[in-house]
Structure formats: structure tokens, C-alpha cells
Amino acid sequence: TIDGDTMADNTVTVRDRDTASQERIGIDKVTEFLRDRIG
């Protein structure tokens, strides 16, 4: 999720579809985050 905080702190919220758990990560870590989870 991109929200109002994204521009201020360069982070996004990612949500696990199956568990609905959420994690806030840096924009620069999105590719690595997704690669680790979906291969």
C-alpha cells in the first residue's frame, strides 16, 4: 500500500494475502522482499 507516509519516509505497507499480516518496508527493499517470498 502506498499512503501518506510513503512520501515522508519512503516506505510502503505490504500485506500477506493468506494471513493478512502487514509489514512496513522501505521502497528500496520491495524487490528483495518480493523475490524472497515468491521466488
PDB file of N, CA and C in Angstrom:
ATOM      1  N   THR A   1       0.843  -1.168   0.000  1.00  0.00           N
ATOM      2  CA  THR A   1       0.000   0.000   0.000  1.00  0.00           C
ATOM      3  C   THR A   1       0.890   1.234   0.000  1.00  0.00           C
ATOM      4  N   ILE A   2       0.560   2.150  -0.861  1.00  0.00           N
ATOM      5  CA  ILE A   2       1.222   3.449  -0.863  1.00  0.00           C
ATOM      6  C   ILE A   2       0.262   4.412  -0.194  1.00  0.00           C
ATOM      7  N   ASP A   3       0.750   5.135   0.811  1.00  0.00           N
ATOM      8  CA  ASP A   3      -0.132   6.030   1.558  1.00  0.00           C
ATOM      9  C   ASP A   3       0.561   7.351   1.849  1.00  0.00           C
ATOM     10  N   GLY A   4      -0.030   8.130   2.704  1.00  0.00           N
ATOM     11  CA  GLY A   4       0.508   9.439   3.027  1.00  0.00           C
ATOM     12  C   GLY A   4       1.895   9.408   3.623  1.00  0.00           C
ATOM     13  N   ASP A   5       2.238   8.337   4.321  1.00  0.00           N
ATOM     14  CA  ASP A   5       3.566   8.230   4.924  1.00  0.00           C
ATOM     15  C   ASP A   5       4.646   7.877   3.904  1.00  0.00           C
ATOM     16  N   THR A   6       4.253   7.326   2.776  1.00  0.00           N
ATOM     17  CA  THR A   6       5.220   6.883   1.777  1.00  0.00           C
ATOM     18  C   THR A   6       6.149   8.013   1.353  1.00  0.00           C
ATOM     19  N   MET A   7       5.593   9.152   1.051  1.00  0.00           N
ATOM     20  CA  MET A   7       6.411  10.273   0.601  1.00  0.00           C
ATOM     21  C   MET A   7       7.297  10.807   1.723  1.00  0.00           C
ATOM     22  N   ALA A   8       6.832  10.724   2.946  1.00  0.00           N
ATOM     23  CA  ALA A   8       7.594  11.257   4.075  1.00  0.00           C
ATOM     24  C   ALA A   8       8.761  10.358   4.469  1.00  0.00           C
ATOM     25  N   ASP A   9       8.533   9.034   4.449  1.00  0.00           N
ATOM     26  CA  ASP A   9       9.580   8.139   4.954  1.00  0.00           C
ATOM     27  C   ASP A   9      10.023   7.062   3.962  1.00  0.00           C
ATOM     28  N   ASN A  10       9.564   7.168   2.708  1.00  0.00           N
ATOM     29  CA  ASN A  10       9.965   6.228   1.654  1.00  0.00           C
ATOM     30  C   ASN A  10       9.702   4.774   2.022  1.00  0.00           C
ATOM     31  N   THR A  11       8.537   4.517   2.620  1.00  0.00           N
ATOM     32  CA  THR A  11       8.154   3.152   2.958  1.00  0.00           C
ATOM     33  C   THR A  11       6.793   2.829   2.356  1.00  0.00           C
ATOM     34  N   VAL A  12       6.512   1.549   2.258  1.00  0.00           N
ATOM     35  CA  VAL A  12       5.212   1.054   1.811  1.00  0.00           C
ATOM     36  C   VAL A  12       4.782  -0.058   2.757  1.00  0.00           C
ATOM     37  N   THR A  13       3.496  -0.353   2.763  1.00  0.00           N
ATOM     38  CA  THR A  13       2.983  -1.458   3.558  1.00  0.00           C
ATOM     39  C   THR A  13       2.694  -2.619   2.618  1.00  0.00           C
ATOM     40  N   VAL A  14       3.242  -3.781   2.935  1.00  0.00           N
ATOM     41  CA  VAL A  14       2.952  -4.991   2.167  1.00  0.00           C
ATOM     42  C   VAL A  14       2.110  -5.910   3.040  1.00  0.00           C
ATOM     43  N   ARG A  15       1.156  -6.567   2.421  1.00  0.00           N
ATOM     44  CA  ARG A  15       0.211  -7.409   3.161  1.00  0.00           C
ATOM     45  C   ARG A  15       0.249  -8.818   2.585  1.00  0.00           C
ATOM     46  N   ASP A  16       0.349  -9.798   3.462  1.00  0.00           N
ATOM     47  CA  ASP A  16       0.288 -11.196   3.056  1.00  0.00           C
ATOM     48  C   ASP A  16      -1.160 -11.554   2.760  1.00  0.00           C
ATOM     49  N   ARG A  17      -1.411 -12.004   1.572  1.00  0.00           N
ATOM     50  CA  ARG A  17      -2.775 -12.321   1.150  1.00  0.00           C
ATOM     51  C   ARG A  17      -3.415 -13.399   2.006  1.00  0.00           C
ATOM     52  N   ASP A  18      -2.650 -14.405   2.396  1.00  0.00           N
ATOM     53  CA  ASP A  18      -3.212 -15.547   3.112  1.00  0.00           C
ATOM     54  C   ASP A  18      -3.418 -15.289   4.603  1.00  0.00           C
ATOM     55  N   THR A  19      -2.520 -14.526   5.207  1.00  0.00           N
ATOM     56  CA  THR A  19      -2.612 -14.310   6.652  1.00  0.00           C
ATOM     57  C   THR A  19      -3.110 -12.919   7.020  1.00  0.00           C
ATOM     58  N   ALA A  20      -3.116 -12.028   6.061  1.00  0.00           N
ATOM     59  CA  ALA A  20      -3.494 -10.621   6.251  1.00  0.00           C
ATOM     60  C   ALA A  20      -2.510  -9.874   7.149  1.00  0.00           C
ATOM     61  N   SER A  21      -1.361 -10.488   7.450  1.00  0.00           N
ATOM     62  CA  SER A  21      -0.353  -9.773   8.233  1.00  0.00           C
ATOM     63  C   SER A  21       0.253  -8.670   7.371  1.00  0.00           C
ATOM     64  N   GLN A  22       0.649  -7.591   8.005  1.00  0.00           N
ATOM     65  CA  GLN A  22       1.193  -6.443   7.306  1.00  0.00           C
ATOM     66  C   GLN A  22       2.585  -6.127   7.816  1.00  0.00           C
ATOM     67  N   GLU A  23       3.394  -5.604   6.906  1.00  0.00           N
ATOM     68  CA  GLU A  23       4.752  -5.220   7.267  1.00  0.00           C
ATOM     69  C   GLU A  23       5.091  -3.940   6.511  1.00  0.00           C
ATOM     70  N   ARG A  24       5.710  -3.018   7.187  1.00  0.00           N
ATOM     71  CA  ARG A  24       6.125  -1.763   6.563  1.00  0.00           C
ATOM     72  C   ARG A  24       7.599  -1.908   6.188  1.00  0.00           C
ATOM     73  N   ILE A  25       7.912  -1.665   4.914  1.00  0.00           N
ATOM     74  CA  ILE A  25       9.293  -1.809   4.443  1.00  0.00           C
ATOM     75  C   ILE A  25       9.673  -0.605   3.593  1.00  0.00           C
ATOM     76  N   GLY A  26      10.960  -0.397   3.460  1.00  0.00           N
ATOM     77  CA  GLY A  26      11.464   0.678   2.619  1.00  0.00           C
ATOM     78  C   GLY A  26      11.207   0.376   1.154  1.00  0.00           C
ATOM     79  N   ILE A  27      10.939   1.423   0.401  1.00  0.00           N
ATOM     80  CA  ILE A  27      10.695   1.263  -1.034  1.00  0.00           C
ATOM     81  C   ILE A  27      11.872   0.554  -1.694  1.00  0.00           C
ATOM     82  N   ASP A  28      13.073   0.843  -1.251  1.00  0.00           N
ATOM     83  CA  ASP A  28      14.254   0.232  -1.848  1.00  0.00           C
ATOM     84  C   ASP A  28      14.387  -1.256  -1.530  1.00  0.00           C
ATOM     85  N   LYS A  29      13.546  -1.783  -0.656  1.00  0.00           N
ATOM     86  CA  LYS A  29      13.591  -3.202  -0.283  1.00  0.00           C
ATOM     87  C   LYS A  29      12.463  -4.022  -0.913  1.00  0.00           C
ATOM     88  N   VAL A  30      11.575  -3.389  -1.686  1.00  0.00           N
ATOM     89  CA  VAL A  30      10.407  -4.086  -2.226  1.00  0.00           C
ATOM     90  C   VAL A  30      10.812  -5.237  -3.143  1.00  0.00           C
ATOM     91  N   THR A  31      11.739  -5.006  -4.055  1.00  0.00           N
ATOM     92  CA  THR A  31      12.151  -6.059  -4.983  1.00  0.00           C
ATOM     93  C   THR A  31      12.705  -7.260  -4.233  1.00  0.00           C
ATOM     94  N   GLU A  32      13.587  -7.016  -3.287  1.00  0.00           N
ATOM     95  CA  GLU A  32      14.170  -8.100  -2.492  1.00  0.00           C
ATOM     96  C   GLU A  32      13.091  -8.827  -1.691  1.00  0.00           C
ATOM     97  N   PHE A  33      12.190  -8.080  -1.086  1.00  0.00           N
ATOM     98  CA  PHE A  33      11.098  -8.649  -0.299  1.00  0.00           C
ATOM     99  C   PHE A  33      10.263  -9.604  -1.157  1.00  0.00           C
ATOM    100  N   LEU A  34       9.864  -9.143  -2.331  1.00  0.00           N
ATOM    101  CA  LEU A  34       9.040  -9.976  -3.209  1.00  0.00           C
ATOM    102  C   LEU A  34       9.817 -11.176  -3.736  1.00  0.00           C
ATOM    103  N   ARG A  35      11.057 -10.974  -4.091  1.00  0.00           N
ATOM    104  CA  ARG A  35      11.883 -12.070  -4.600  1.00  0.00           C
ATOM    105  C   ARG A  35      12.017 -13.168  -3.548  1.00  0.00           C
ATOM    106  N   ASP A  36      12.187 -12.786  -2.296  1.00  0.00           N
ATOM    107  CA  ASP A  36      12.313 -13.759  -1.208  1.00  0.00           C
ATOM    108  C   ASP A  36      11.029 -14.556  -0.999  1.00  0.00           C
ATOM    109  N   ARG A  37       9.895 -13.944  -1.271  1.00  0.00           N
ATOM    110  CA  ARG A  37       8.623 -14.597  -0.976  1.00  0.00           C
ATOM    111  C   ARG A  37       7.998 -15.340  -2.151  1.00  0.00           C
ATOM    112  N   ILE A  38       8.236 -14.877  -3.359  1.00  0.00           N
ATOM    113  CA  ILE A  38       7.590 -15.541  -4.494  1.00  0.00           C
ATOM    114  C   ILE A  38       8.584 -16.168  -5.464  1.00  0.00           C
ATOM    115  N   GLY A  39       9.850 -16.029  -5.180  1.00  0.00           N
ATOM    116  CA  GLY A  39      10.872 -16.663  -5.978  1.00  0.00           C
ATOM    117  C   GLY A  39      11.100 -15.960  -7.229  1.00  0.00           C
TER     118      GLY A  39
END
